[in-house]
């Protein structure tokens, strides 16, 4: 909800919500994400299985279903991944086209993962940039 000048609340559409969320951190382009991974950033693929099966995988990325993301990356969580070592971990979340990953990165910021970001254009931009992709079958 957004409060207008006259004090009334109105619903926020997804486009407005995405614009607001994305002002809270610096999103990165595919080549920058590739370099970040080479220097220790954790790439996190939140696409659902059918997309991973259809399009392939980013080598070295961990797969975390979107509905498990916060539990797997919370450094204090009982269900965390071994890679979730601290709140200063550089995390680059990606989805298929870079929309859901923006909401995911914002959620990670709320957990204190202040270096979390997302990949502009998602997996499709990564692949279009000619960066490494492996097929699953």
Protein backbone atom coordinates (compact mmCIF):
# COMPACT_ATOMS: atom_id res chain seq x y z
CA UNK A 1 0.00 0.00 0.00
CA UNK A 2 1.02 3.55 -0.61
CA UNK A 3 -0.29 6.54 1.28
CA UNK A 4 -1.19 9.49 -0.95
CA UNK A 5 -0.91 13.17 -0.05
CA UNK A 6 -4.52 13.18 1.16
CA UNK A 7 -3.77 10.35 3.59
CA UNK A 8 -5.59 7.58 1.76
CA UNK A 9 -3.98 4.25 0.99
CA UNK A 10 -3.97 2.64 -2.43
CA UNK A 11 -2.61 -0.69 -3.61
CA UNK A 12 0.81 -0.81 -5.23
CA UNK A 13 1.08 -2.63 -8.56
CA UNK A 14 3.94 -5.00 -9.29
CA UNK A 15 5.72 -2.56 -11.60
CA UNK A 16 5.76 0.10 -8.90
CA UNK A 17 6.81 -2.45 -6.29
CA UNK A 18 9.71 -3.65 -8.46
CA UNK A 19 10.84 -0.07 -9.07
CA UNK A 20 10.83 0.64 -5.33
CA UNK A 21 12.60 -2.60 -4.40
CA UNK A 22 15.33 -2.05 -6.98
CA UNK A 23 16.25 1.35 -5.53
CA UNK A 24 17.47 -0.43 -2.39
CA UNK A 25 20.49 -2.09 -3.99
CA UNK A 26 22.69 -2.15 -7.10
CA UNK A 27 21.61 -4.79 -9.64
CA UNK A 28 24.33 -6.30 -11.82
CA UNK A 29 24.68 -7.27 -15.47
CA UNK A 30 25.62 -10.79 -16.62
CA UNK A 31 29.34 -10.17 -17.15
CA UNK A 32 29.61 -8.49 -13.74
CA UNK A 33 27.83 -11.48 -12.15
CA UNK A 34 30.25 -13.84 -13.89
CA UNK A 35 33.22 -11.90 -12.52
CA UNK A 36 31.64 -11.71 -9.05
CA UNK A 37 31.29 -15.50 -9.02
CA UNK A 38 34.94 -15.87 -10.02
CA UNK A 39 35.91 -13.80 -6.98
CA UNK A 40 33.77 -15.64 -4.44
CA UNK A 41 30.17 -14.47 -4.86
CA UNK A 42 27.50 -17.10 -4.51
CA UNK A 43 25.28 -17.42 -7.60
CA UNK A 44 21.81 -18.65 -6.64
CA UNK A 45 19.42 -20.03 -9.25
CA UNK A 46 15.80 -19.70 -8.09
CA UNK A 47 14.19 -20.85 -11.35
CA UNK A 48 11.80 -23.74 -11.14
CA UNK A 49 12.87 -27.17 -12.35
CA UNK A 50 11.07 -27.08 -15.71
CA UNK A 51 13.03 -23.98 -16.76
CA UNK A 52 16.32 -25.46 -15.58
CA UNK A 53 15.57 -28.66 -17.49
CA UNK A 54 14.57 -26.74 -20.61
CA UNK A 55 17.32 -24.11 -20.70
CA UNK A 56 20.24 -25.50 -18.73
CA UNK A 57 22.25 -24.46 -15.69
CA UNK A 58 24.85 -21.88 -14.79
CA UNK A 59 27.95 -23.84 -13.73
CA UNK A 60 28.73 -23.33 -10.06
CA UNK A 61 25.37 -21.80 -9.17
CA UNK A 62 23.50 -23.32 -6.27
CA UNK A 63 19.89 -24.21 -6.91
CA UNK A 64 17.47 -23.01 -4.28
CA UNK A 65 13.77 -23.04 -4.96
CA UNK A 66 12.32 -19.59 -4.38
CA UNK A 67 10.08 -20.77 -1.54
CA UNK A 68 13.17 -22.00 0.36
CA UNK A 69 15.53 -19.11 -0.32
CA UNK A 70 15.38 -17.31 3.01
CA UNK A 71 15.71 -20.55 4.99
CA UNK A 72 18.71 -21.68 2.95
CA UNK A 73 20.62 -18.39 2.99
CA UNK A 74 19.96 -17.12 6.51
CA UNK A 75 23.39 -17.51 8.17
CA UNK A 76 21.67 -18.13 11.52
CA UNK A 77 19.02 -20.48 10.17
CA UNK A 78 18.82 -24.14 11.10
CA UNK A 79 18.23 -25.11 7.44
CA UNK A 80 20.96 -22.98 5.89
CA UNK A 81 23.27 -24.06 3.12
CA UNK A 82 26.92 -24.59 4.05
CA UNK A 83 27.74 -21.62 1.78
CA UNK A 84 25.57 -19.29 3.90
CA UNK A 85 28.48 -18.30 6.10
CA UNK A 86 27.62 -14.75 7.14
CA UNK A 87 25.63 -11.63 6.48
CA UNK A 88 28.49 -10.18 4.44
CA UNK A 89 28.24 -12.95 1.84
CA UNK A 90 28.00 -11.60 -1.71
CA UNK A 91 24.90 -13.25 -3.20
CA UNK A 92 23.69 -12.89 -6.79
CA UNK A 93 20.20 -14.27 -7.20
CA UNK A 94 18.81 -15.01 -10.64
CA UNK A 95 15.52 -16.18 -12.02
CA UNK A 96 14.52 -16.59 -15.64
CA UNK A 97 14.22 -12.94 -16.70
CA UNK A 98 15.16 -10.83 -13.67
CA UNK A 99 11.83 -10.04 -12.03
CA UNK A 100 11.29 -12.58 -9.24
CA UNK A 101 14.98 -12.31 -8.39
CA UNK A 102 14.55 -8.62 -7.55
CA UNK A 103 11.92 -9.47 -4.96
CA UNK A 104 14.14 -12.29 -3.68
CA UNK A 105 17.17 -10.00 -3.30
CA UNK A 106 15.08 -7.49 -1.38
CA UNK A 107 13.93 -10.26 0.95
CA UNK A 108 17.54 -11.27 1.56
CA UNK A 109 18.33 -7.65 2.46
CA UNK A 110 15.59 -7.84 5.10
CA UNK A 111 17.44 -10.83 6.58
CA UNK A 112 20.59 -8.74 6.82
CA UNK A 113 22.36 -10.07 3.72
CA UNK A 114 23.30 -6.54 2.74
CA UNK A 115 25.46 -7.56 -0.24
CA UNK A 116 22.67 -9.50 -1.96
CA UNK A 117 21.74 -8.44 -5.47
CA UNK A 118 20.15 -9.87 -8.55
CA UNK A 119 21.05 -10.43 -12.17
CA UNK A 120 19.56 -7.97 -14.63
CA UNK A 121 17.68 -9.99 -17.24
CA UNK A 122 18.11 -13.24 -15.31
CA UNK A 123 19.24 -16.50 -16.84
CA UNK A 124 18.11 -15.43 -20.31
CA UNK A 125 20.46 -12.43 -20.23
CA UNK A 126 23.30 -14.64 -18.93
CA UNK A 127 22.83 -17.05 -21.81
CA UNK A 128 22.43 -14.24 -24.38
CA UNK A 129 25.73 -12.76 -23.17
CA UNK A 130 27.44 -16.02 -24.16
CA UNK A 131 28.37 -16.94 -20.60
CA UNK A 132 28.75 -20.61 -19.62
CA UNK A 133 25.65 -22.78 -19.55
CA UNK A 134 25.46 -26.55 -19.16
CA UNK A 135 22.56 -28.63 -20.37
CA UNK A 136 20.89 -31.14 -18.12
CA UNK A 137 20.17 -33.83 -20.65
